[in-house]
Amino acid sequence: MRNRKSGYGASGNAEGCPVEFTLDVIGGKWKGVLLYHLIDGKKRFNEFRRICPAITQRMLTLQLRELEEDGIIHREVYHQIPPKVEYSLTSFGKSLAPIILSMKQWGEEYKSKIVRKEPSSTKRVRE
């Protein structure tokens, strides 16, 4: 496990908050998205770049390294020319699938709720 900077365990409780610990592992703008796409199977670095064009190469590398250090993903390096690297979920990482898929479902419901509200919120702005 990597050195945590989130303050996990700093709440006075020796064990810390489990939700805070979980969010430290999968939280942030990109980790959940990367994990969601890994549920379908192995991905290469450039596949992630195509899937998430807004993520910088540096941030993608950092997020993948942290997930690897936490034992969530596995990085397989194939010694060939050109070099090939694939990322996949570990068995421990696969245990996050229900959480990630629940987040997806909640996001779809929330998005549809917001889309249904847009015409009325636009109307209020005009009045």
Protein backbone atom coordinates (compact mmCIF):
# COMPACT_ATOMS: atom_id res chain seq x y z
CA MET A 1 0.00 0.00 0.00
CA ARG A 2 1.17 3.49 -0.74
CA ASN A 3 1.70 6.31 1.70
CA ARG A 4 -1.66 8.02 2.18
CA LYS A 5 -1.94 11.80 2.24
CA SER A 6 -5.69 12.14 2.78
CA GLY A 7 -5.55 12.14 6.56
CA TYR A 8 -7.02 8.66 6.90
CA GLY A 9 -7.13 7.82 10.57
CA ALA A 10 -6.64 11.45 11.62
CA SER A 11 -10.25 11.73 12.84
CA GLY A 12 -9.32 10.60 16.34
CA ASN A 13 -10.63 7.11 15.68
CA ALA A 14 -7.66 4.73 15.58
CA GLU A 15 -9.24 2.78 12.73
CA GLY A 16 -10.33 5.82 10.75
CA CYS A 17 -13.40 6.10 8.56
CA PRO A 18 -13.79 3.21 6.09
CA VAL A 19 -15.55 5.46 3.58
CA GLU A 20 -12.66 7.91 3.66
CA PHE A 21 -10.24 5.02 3.10
CA THR A 22 -12.29 3.72 0.15
CA LEU A 23 -12.48 7.18 -1.42
CA ASP A 24 -8.73 7.56 -1.01
CA VAL A 25 -8.27 4.42 -3.12
CA ILE A 26 -10.90 5.04 -5.83
CA GLY A 27 -11.61 8.75 -5.43
CA GLY A 28 -10.60 11.56 -7.70
CA LYS A 29 -11.72 12.56 -11.14
CA TRP A 30 -10.26 9.67 -13.13
CA LYS A 31 -9.82 6.53 -11.03
CA GLY A 32 -13.50 5.57 -11.10
CA VAL A 33 -13.62 6.09 -14.86
CA LEU A 34 -10.50 3.98 -15.40
CA LEU A 35 -11.86 1.22 -13.18
CA TYR A 36 -15.21 1.30 -14.98
CA HIS A 37 -13.52 0.69 -18.33
CA LEU A 38 -11.35 -2.08 -16.88
CA ILE A 39 -14.45 -4.03 -15.82
CA ASP A 40 -14.86 -5.00 -19.50
CA GLY A 41 -11.32 -6.37 -19.68
CA LYS A 42 -7.70 -5.44 -20.29
CA LYS A 43 -6.82 -2.02 -21.65
CA ARG A 44 -3.63 -0.56 -23.04
CA PHE A 45 -2.37 2.91 -22.15
CA ASN A 46 -3.38 4.46 -25.48
CA GLU A 47 -6.86 2.92 -25.21
CA PHE A 48 -7.31 4.92 -22.01
CA ARG A 49 -6.11 8.02 -23.86
CA ARG A 50 -8.81 7.46 -26.52
CA ILE A 51 -11.51 6.67 -23.96
CA CYS A 52 -10.63 9.69 -21.79
CA PRO A 53 -9.20 12.34 -24.13
CA ALA A 54 -9.38 15.04 -21.43
CA ILE A 55 -6.91 13.26 -19.12
CA THR A 56 -3.29 14.28 -19.51
CA GLN A 57 -0.63 11.64 -20.03
CA ARG A 58 0.98 12.61 -16.73
CA MET A 59 -2.29 12.30 -14.78
CA LEU A 60 -3.17 8.99 -16.45
CA THR A 61 0.25 7.60 -15.53
CA LEU A 62 -0.10 8.83 -11.94
CA GLN A 63 -3.61 7.39 -11.49
CA LEU A 64 -2.63 4.02 -12.97
CA ARG A 65 0.47 3.85 -10.75
CA GLU A 66 -1.58 4.58 -7.62
CA LEU A 67 -4.15 1.93 -8.52
CA GLU A 68 -1.32 -0.52 -9.12
CA GLU A 69 0.37 0.33 -5.81
CA ASP A 70 -2.95 -0.22 -4.03
CA GLY A 71 -3.29 -3.68 -5.59
CA ILE A 72 -6.38 -2.73 -7.59
CA ILE A 73 -4.91 -3.16 -11.07
CA HIS A 74 -2.17 -5.29 -12.58
CA ARG A 75 0.33 -3.89 -15.08
CA GLU A 76 1.61 -6.50 -17.55
CA VAL A 77 4.68 -5.52 -19.58
CA TYR A 78 5.34 -7.52 -22.75
CA HIS A 79 8.98 -7.37 -23.78
CA GLN A 80 8.62 -6.89 -27.49
CA ILE A 81 9.18 -4.18 -30.04
CA PRO A 82 7.28 -1.92 -29.91
CA PRO A 83 6.78 -2.30 -26.15
CA LYS A 84 3.31 -3.36 -25.04
CA VAL A 85 1.75 -2.74 -21.62
CA GLU A 86 -1.71 -3.92 -20.57
CA TYR A 87 -3.68 -3.04 -17.47
CA SER A 88 -6.27 -5.30 -15.89
CA LEU A 89 -8.17 -5.58 -12.64
CA THR A 90 -6.70 -7.82 -9.97
CA SER A 91 -9.05 -10.16 -8.14
CA PHE A 92 -9.06 -7.57 -5.34
CA GLY A 93 -9.83 -4.86 -7.91
CA LYS A 94 -12.72 -6.92 -9.29
CA SER A 95 -14.33 -6.69 -5.85
CA LEU A 96 -14.88 -2.98 -6.65
CA ALA A 97 -17.03 -3.79 -9.71
CA PRO A 98 -20.38 -3.67 -7.82
CA ILE A 99 -19.44 -0.29 -6.34
CA ILE A 100 -18.37 1.15 -9.70
CA LEU A 101 -21.47 -0.22 -11.46
CA SER A 102 -23.68 1.24 -8.71
CA MET A 103 -21.98 4.59 -9.26
CA LYS A 104 -22.71 4.25 -12.99
CA GLN A 105 -26.38 3.52 -12.32
CA TRP A 106 -26.68 6.42 -9.88
CA GLY A 107 -24.96 8.72 -12.40
CA GLU A 108 -27.40 7.72 -15.14
CA GLU A 109 -30.38 8.38 -12.85
CA TYR A 110 -28.97 11.71 -11.70
CA LYS A 111 -28.16 12.76 -15.27
CA SER A 112 -31.69 11.97 -16.45
CA LYS A 113 -33.11 13.89 -13.48
CA ILE A 114 -31.01 16.94 -14.36
CA VAL A 115 -31.91 16.71 -18.06
CA ARG A 116 -35.63 16.63 -17.15
CA LYS A 117 -35.18 19.75 -15.02
CA GLU A 118 -33.26 21.78 -17.65
CA PRO A 119 -36.25 23.22 -19.57
CA SER A 120 -37.84 24.56 -16.37
CA SER A 121 -34.55 25.97 -15.05
CA THR A 122 -33.95 27.66 -18.42
CA LYS A 123 -37.45 29.07 -18.25
CA ARG A 124 -36.80 30.55 -14.79
CA VAL A 125 -33.67 32.28 -16.04
CA ARG A 126 -35.59 33.95 -18.86
CA GLU A 127 -38.42 35.21 -16.66
